[in-house]
Amino acid sequence: MRRIRWGVISTADIAKTKVIPAILHSDYAEVAAIASRGDKAKEIAERFSIPKFYDSYHKLLMDQEIEAVYIPLPNHLHKQWVMEAAKHGKHVLVEKPAALTAKETQEMVECCRENNVIFMEAFMHQFHPQHHRVREIVTSGEIGEIKFMRACFSYFLKDELTNIRMKKEMGGGSIYDIGCYCIHAIRNILKSEPVRVEAFAELDGRNGIDRSAIVYMKLENGINTVFDCSFDMSFRQEYEIVGTKGRITVPAAYRPDVADNEGVILIESENGTRSEMITADQYKMQIDHFSQVIIEGSAPSYSAKNTLQNMRVIDACYQSIESRAAVALV
């Protein structure tokens, strides 16, 4: 069986704890190289038995054996290194958010298209089958006509003095970091795009990043939605869909991996109350999918168009915060 040879650009924690192990467990992929600025790559290469390590990102991109790269760099560096990777003929899986603006994302997507490489943003949660099951329940009509969806993602950021999530120039802020998941879930579960966005944020007095935000979104299909995200609250990661006959709650919506990969769906309807549990490694499923797409020469299930739509909503959130007014998306 053919395996895609992956290069990892950065020794970020998400690469070490989740994505490199996922590649190692995949039937369709292998980690061929890792790069960092400095000597960290050597340590990680030895830990995971990665054959090659480089002390610069460019050196890894020059490696002709590498077919795809995973890029978990700070948000402000995504555009530069996605485009560099594309110009070197590497398929690209880049961490969320894809960039800092929809304009940047469009430039990245066009560069990948021009260089005939596949691009995908790494929203790993969407590959957990619990969300497909939620869609099935919604479509079945069990909870009636959908009227409202609520989503949240928060955690308490302890190392805020040194954490890049608190640096505005590096793409810091709670909407960029975790609110993007809520936007993605609302758009893709309800299969509709926001037409009006109004965001309220608690801004950090030192650097202006959004420590917390609450966002209202009116969807094209008429459904009202709201999400909140925060660096100042306890760990929460759920969404709730409310219909005329019941509701669905998903309490481990984005990081079921922190609970042994168990996704739980709670359903309350006229038929009573029940729960369904689905276990899956969403990081491995993401790597499997993208590697198979490369092997088959097909298109990712999560398209560049979908990524662009998510980034446009993020843009609208920050425009609303800055203007202190609702923003129309038409």
Protein backbone atom coordinates (compact mmCIF):
# COMPACT_ATOMS: atom_id res chain seq x y z
CA MET A 1 0.00 0.00 0.00
CA ARG A 2 1.35 3.40 -0.96
CA ARG A 3 2.06 5.81 1.91
CA ILE A 4 2.34 9.57 1.52
CA ARG A 5 5.67 10.92 2.77
CA TRP A 6 4.94 13.81 5.13
CA GLY A 7 7.14 16.64 6.33
CA VAL A 8 6.27 18.55 9.50
CA ILE A 9 7.15 22.25 9.58
CA SER A 10 7.52 23.19 13.27
CA THR A 11 7.83 21.32 16.55
CA ALA A 12 4.61 22.82 17.95
CA ASP A 13 2.86 20.90 20.73
CA ILE A 14 -0.06 19.96 18.49
CA ALA A 15 2.40 18.31 16.10
CA LYS A 16 4.19 16.39 18.86
CA THR A 17 1.15 15.28 20.83
CA LYS A 18 -1.48 14.71 18.15
CA VAL A 19 -0.56 14.95 14.48
CA ILE A 20 2.79 13.13 14.35
CA PRO A 21 1.29 10.19 16.32
CA ALA A 22 -1.68 10.26 13.93
CA ILE A 23 0.62 10.03 10.90
CA LEU A 24 2.54 7.20 12.53
CA HIS A 25 -0.71 5.26 13.06
CA SER A 26 -2.05 5.91 9.57
CA ASP A 27 -2.08 3.19 6.91
CA TYR A 28 -1.67 5.85 4.24
CA ALA A 29 1.11 8.07 5.62
CA GLU A 30 4.57 8.19 7.14
CA VAL A 31 6.61 10.97 8.72
CA ALA A 32 9.64 11.41 6.50
CA ALA A 33 11.08 14.65 7.93
CA ILE A 34 10.63 17.43 10.46
CA ALA A 35 12.03 20.96 10.50
CA SER A 36 12.47 23.69 13.08
CA ARG A 37 14.42 26.89 13.42
CA GLY A 38 17.26 25.73 15.62
CA ASP A 39 18.03 22.30 17.02
CA LYS A 40 14.61 21.18 18.28
CA ALA A 41 13.87 19.07 15.20
CA LYS A 42 16.70 16.65 16.03
CA GLU A 43 15.20 15.88 19.45
CA ILE A 44 11.71 15.26 18.03
CA ALA A 45 13.11 13.19 15.15
CA GLU A 46 14.90 10.94 17.63
CA ARG A 47 11.80 10.65 19.85
CA PHE A 48 9.55 9.52 16.98
CA SER A 49 12.20 7.78 14.82
CA ILE A 50 11.73 10.29 12.01
CA PRO A 51 14.43 9.63 9.36
CA LYS A 52 15.33 13.25 8.55
CA PHE A 53 15.45 16.52 10.42
CA TYR A 54 16.28 20.01 9.23
CA ASP A 55 17.25 23.26 10.96
CA SER A 56 15.27 25.38 8.51
CA TYR A 57 11.86 25.14 6.86
CA HIS A 58 13.34 25.83 3.42
CA LYS A 59 15.65 22.83 3.66
CA LEU A 60 12.68 20.54 4.29
CA LEU A 61 10.79 22.04 1.34
CA MET A 62 13.80 21.37 -0.89
CA ASP A 63 13.62 17.66 -0.04
CA GLN A 64 12.31 16.00 -3.20
CA GLU A 65 11.02 12.96 -1.29
CA ILE A 66 8.49 14.97 0.72
CA GLU A 67 5.01 14.91 -0.85
CA ALA A 68 2.91 16.73 1.75
CA VAL A 69 3.57 19.08 4.63
CA TYR A 70 1.72 19.77 7.86
CA ILE A 71 2.08 23.40 9.02
CA PRO A 72 1.23 24.17 12.69
CA LEU A 73 3.12 27.48 12.80
CA PRO A 74 1.76 30.61 14.52
CA ASN A 75 -1.20 32.07 12.62
CA HIS A 76 0.67 35.03 11.12
CA LEU A 77 3.15 32.69 9.41
CA HIS A 78 0.57 30.47 7.68
CA LYS A 79 0.34 32.47 4.46
CA GLN A 80 4.09 32.67 3.91
CA TRP A 81 4.80 29.00 4.44
CA VAL A 82 1.72 27.62 2.71
CA MET A 83 2.73 29.55 -0.39
CA GLU A 84 6.38 28.48 -0.08
CA ALA A 85 5.30 24.86 0.26
CA ALA A 86 3.02 25.14 -2.78
CA LYS A 87 5.81 26.64 -4.89
CA HIS A 88 7.96 23.63 -3.97
CA GLY A 89 5.20 21.26 -5.10
CA LYS A 90 4.10 20.08 -1.65
CA HIS A 91 0.47 19.37 -0.77
CA VAL A 92 -0.53 21.40 2.28
CA LEU A 93 -2.43 20.70 5.49
CA VAL A 94 -2.32 23.92 7.52
CA GLU A 95 -3.60 24.45 11.04
CA LYS A 96 -6.67 26.57 11.71
CA PRO A 97 -7.30 29.39 11.24
CA ALA A 98 -5.95 29.13 7.68
CA ALA A 99 -4.73 32.74 7.80
CA LEU A 100 -5.50 36.10 9.41
CA THR A 101 -8.01 37.25 6.79
CA ALA A 102 -10.11 35.87 3.96
CA LYS A 103 -7.95 37.90 1.54
CA GLU A 104 -4.81 36.12 2.73
CA THR A 105 -6.61 32.79 2.49
CA GLN A 106 -7.69 33.49 -1.09
CA GLU A 107 -4.09 34.23 -2.04
CA MET A 108 -2.95 30.96 -0.45
CA VAL A 109 -5.65 28.94 -2.19
CA GLU A 110 -4.85 30.49 -5.57
CA CYS A 111 -1.14 29.79 -5.10
CA CYS A 112 -1.87 26.13 -4.33
CA ARG A 113 -4.13 25.88 -7.37
CA GLU A 114 -1.53 27.49 -9.64
CA ASN A 115 1.08 25.00 -8.43
CA ASN A 116 -1.27 22.03 -8.73
CA VAL A 117 -1.11 21.04 -5.06
CA ILE A 118 -3.96 20.16 -2.70
CA PHE A 119 -4.81 22.55 0.13
CA MET A 120 -6.80 21.83 3.28
CA GLU A 121 -7.28 23.61 6.59
CA ALA A 122 -6.83 21.31 9.61
CA PHE A 123 -10.18 21.43 11.37
CA MET A 124 -9.70 17.95 12.78
CA HIS A 125 -12.96 17.83 14.74
CA GLN A 126 -15.06 17.56 11.57
CA PHE A 127 -13.62 14.09 10.89
CA HIS A 128 -15.07 12.66 14.09
CA PRO A 129 -18.21 10.72 13.02
CA GLN A 130 -20.30 12.14 15.86
CA HIS A 131 -21.02 15.21 13.71
CA HIS A 132 -22.21 13.13 10.77
CA ARG A 133 -24.54 11.34 13.15
CA VAL A 134 -25.87 14.69 14.43
CA ARG A 135 -26.60 15.68 10.84
CA GLU A 136 -28.52 12.42 10.35
CA ILE A 137 -30.66 13.08 13.42
CA VAL A 138 -31.34 16.68 12.36
CA THR A 139 -32.29 15.58 8.84
CA SER A 140 -34.55 12.83 10.17
CA GLY A 141 -36.84 15.43 11.73
CA GLU A 142 -36.69 13.82 15.17
CA ILE A 143 -36.25 17.17 16.94
CA GLY A 144 -38.52 19.01 14.53
CA GLU A 145 -37.78 22.24 12.72
CA ILE A 146 -34.47 23.74 13.84
CA LYS A 147 -34.88 27.13 15.50
CA PHE A 148 -31.62 27.82 17.33
CA MET A 149 -28.02 26.63 17.71
CA ARG A 150 -25.62 27.51 20.48
CA ALA A 151 -21.89 26.68 20.55
CA CYS A 152 -19.06 27.37 22.98
CA PHE A 153 -15.35 26.72 23.35
CA SER A 154 -13.32 28.02 26.27
CA TYR A 155 -10.40 27.26 28.55
CA PHE A 156 -8.40 29.12 31.17
CA LEU A 157 -5.12 30.35 29.66
CA LYS A 158 -2.53 30.16 32.44
CA ASP A 159 0.67 31.24 30.66
CA GLU A 160 -0.73 34.41 29.13
CA LEU A 161 2.49 36.43 29.54
CA THR A 162 4.39 34.16 27.14
CA ASN A 163 1.65 32.47 25.11
CA ILE A 164 1.47 33.43 21.41
CA ARG A 165 -2.33 33.38 21.68
CA MET A 166 -2.00 36.66 23.56
CA LYS A 167 0.13 38.36 20.88
CA LYS A 168 -1.97 40.38 18.44
CA GLU A 169 0.77 40.61 15.82
CA MET A 170 0.95 36.80 15.72
CA GLY A 171 -2.78 36.30 15.19
CA GLY A 172 -3.72 35.98 18.84
CA GLY A 173 -7.24 36.16 20.21
CA SER A 174 -9.99 33.80 21.29
CA ILE A 175 -11.99 34.00 18.04
CA TYR A 176 -8.96 33.06 15.93
CA ASP A 177 -7.93 30.30 18.34
CA ILE A 178 -11.20 28.61 19.36
CA GLY A 179 -14.16 30.67 18.18
CA CYS A 180 -13.32 29.49 14.67
CA TYR A 181 -14.42 25.98 15.71
CA CYS A 182 -17.82 27.29 16.80
CA ILE A 183 -18.26 29.14 13.51
CA HIS A 184 -17.29 26.02 11.59
CA ALA A 185 -19.67 23.79 13.55
CA ILE A 186 -22.64 26.14 13.16
CA ARG A 187 -22.10 26.63 9.42
CA ASN A 188 -21.46 22.99 8.61
CA ILE A 189 -23.98 21.31 10.91
CA LEU A 190 -26.81 23.61 9.81
CA LYS A 191 -25.61 23.83 6.19
CA SER A 192 -26.22 27.57 5.96
CA GLU A 193 -24.10 30.70 5.86
CA PRO A 194 -24.38 33.73 8.18
CA VAL A 195 -25.94 36.85 6.66
CA ARG A 196 -25.58 39.03 9.78
CA VAL A 197 -22.93 38.96 12.49
CA GLU A 198 -22.76 40.97 15.69
CA ALA A 199 -19.83 40.39 18.04
CA PHE A 200 -19.09 41.62 21.55
CA ALA A 201 -15.63 41.14 23.05
CA GLU A 202 -13.64 41.68 26.21
CA LEU A 203 -10.37 43.13 24.93
CA ASP A 204 -7.08 42.80 26.78
CA GLY A 205 -5.93 46.22 27.96
CA ARG A 206 -2.28 45.51 27.18
CA ASN A 207 -2.42 44.22 23.61
CA GLY A 208 -5.99 44.52 22.36
CA ILE A 209 -6.63 40.84 21.65
CA ASP A 210 -10.08 39.45 22.37
CA ARG A 211 -9.81 37.49 25.61
CA SER A 212 -13.47 36.52 25.35
CA ALA A 213 -16.20 37.04 22.78
CA ILE A 214 -19.92 36.46 22.35
CA VAL A 215 -21.17 36.41 18.77
CA TYR A 216 -24.70 36.40 17.34
CA MET A 217 -25.14 35.08 13.80
CA LYS A 218 -28.31 35.10 11.70
CA LEU A 219 -28.15 32.40 9.06
CA GLU A 220 -29.41 32.54 5.50
CA ASN A 221 -32.00 29.85 6.32
CA GLY A 222 -33.43 32.06 9.08
CA ILE A 223 -31.99 30.17 12.06
CA ASN A 224 -30.62 32.25 14.94
CA THR A 225 -27.29 31.15 16.39
CA VAL A 226 -24.89 32.31 19.07
CA PHE A 227 -21.46 31.25 20.23
CA ASP A 228 -19.02 32.25 22.92
CA CYS A 229 -15.30 31.65 23.25
CA SER A 230 -12.86 32.60 25.98
CA PHE A 231 -9.38 32.33 27.47
CA ASP A 232 -10.85 33.26 30.88
CA MET A 233 -13.28 30.41 31.59
CA SER A 234 -13.12 26.75 32.50
CA PHE A 235 -12.87 24.13 29.75
CA ARG A 236 -16.09 23.89 27.72
CA GLN A 237 -16.43 22.53 24.19
CA GLU A 238 -20.02 21.88 23.22
CA TYR A 239 -22.85 22.75 20.92
CA GLU A 240 -26.63 22.47 21.26
CA ILE A 241 -29.25 22.40 18.50
CA VAL A 242 -32.82 23.27 19.48
CA GLY A 243 -35.83 22.31 17.40
CA THR A 244 -39.61 22.47 17.78
CA LYS A 245 -39.76 18.89 19.09
CA GLY A 246 -36.53 18.52 21.04
CA ARG A 247 -32.84 19.23 21.16
CA ILE A 248 -29.41 17.69 20.57
CA THR A 249 -26.40 18.39 22.76
CA VAL A 250 -22.81 17.42 21.93
CA PRO A 251 -20.70 17.98 25.07
CA ALA A 252 -17.29 17.02 23.58
CA ALA A 253 -17.69 18.65 20.21
CA TYR A 254 -14.12 19.66 19.30
CA ARG A 255 -11.70 17.74 21.51
CA PRO A 256 -13.15 14.30 22.28
CA ASP A 257 -9.53 13.15 22.33
CA VAL A 258 -9.24 14.49 25.89
CA ALA A 259 -11.79 11.81 26.90
CA ASP A 260 -10.42 8.74 25.08
CA ASN A 261 -11.82 9.93 21.72
CA GLU A 262 -15.39 9.36 22.92
CA GLY A 263 -18.02 11.50 21.26
CA VAL A 264 -21.34 11.63 23.10
CA ILE A 265 -24.63 12.80 21.56
CA LEU A 266 -27.53 13.59 23.90
CA ILE A 267 -31.00 13.61 22.32
CA GLU A 268 -34.17 14.88 23.96
CA SER A 269 -37.35 14.56 21.92
CA GLU A 270 -40.99 13.56 22.07
CA ASN A 271 -39.74 9.96 22.04
CA GLY A 272 -37.86 10.48 25.32
CA THR A 273 -34.22 10.98 26.22
CA ARG A 274 -31.28 8.90 25.04
CA SER A 275 -27.56 9.12 24.42
CA GLU A 276 -25.36 7.75 21.67
CA MET A 277 -21.59 7.27 21.92
CA ILE A 278 -19.16 7.12 19.01
CA THR A 279 -15.41 6.57 19.47
CA ALA A 280 -12.90 7.60 16.81
CA ASP A 281 -9.45 9.18 16.48
CA GLN A 282 -10.24 12.39 14.62
CA TYR A 283 -6.58 13.28 14.07
CA LYS A 284 -5.85 9.93 12.43
CA MET A 285 -9.03 10.19 10.35
CA GLN A 286 -7.93 13.63 9.14
CA ILE A 287 -4.50 12.34 8.09
CA ASP A 288 -6.04 9.24 6.49
CA HIS A 289 -8.45 11.39 4.50
CA PHE A 290 -5.90 13.91 3.24
CA SER A 291 -3.38 11.19 2.38
CA GLN A 292 -6.00 9.22 0.46
CA VAL A 293 -7.01 12.38 -1.40
CA ILE A 294 -3.40 12.81 -2.55
CA ILE A 295 -3.10 9.15 -3.56
CA GLU A 296 -6.36 9.22 -5.49
CA GLY A 297 -5.94 12.71 -6.93
CA SER A 298 -9.39 13.64 -5.62
CA ALA A 299 -10.71 16.68 -3.74
CA PRO A 300 -10.78 17.02 0.07
CA SER A 301 -14.18 16.74 1.74
CA TYR A 302 -13.39 20.08 3.41
CA SER A 303 -12.98 22.42 0.46
CA ALA A 304 -11.02 25.62 0.08
CA LYS A 305 -14.35 27.36 -0.57
CA ASN A 306 -15.59 26.22 2.83
CA THR A 307 -12.39 27.51 4.45
CA LEU A 308 -12.85 30.88 2.73
CA GLN A 309 -16.42 31.11 4.03
CA ASN A 310 -15.24 30.43 7.58
CA MET A 311 -12.55 33.11 7.28
CA ARG A 312 -15.09 35.63 5.96
CA VAL A 313 -17.17 35.10 9.09
CA ILE A 314 -14.06 35.56 11.27
CA ASP A 315 -13.36 38.79 9.39
CA ALA A 316 -16.94 39.91 10.08
CA CYS A 317 -16.56 39.15 13.80
CA TYR A 318 -13.51 41.37 14.10
CA GLN A 319 -15.10 44.08 11.95
CA SER A 320 -18.11 44.06 14.26
CA ILE A 321 -15.93 44.30 17.37
CA GLU A 322 -13.99 47.21 15.90
CA SER A 323 -17.05 49.09 14.63
CA ARG A 324 -19.28 48.11 17.58
CA ALA A 325 -22.02 47.36 15.09
CA ALA A 326 -23.56 44.42 13.26
CA VAL A 327 -21.94 43.40 9.97
CA ALA A 328 -23.93 42.18 6.96
CA LEU A 329 -22.53 39.25 4.99
CA VAL A 330 -24.24 39.36 1.59
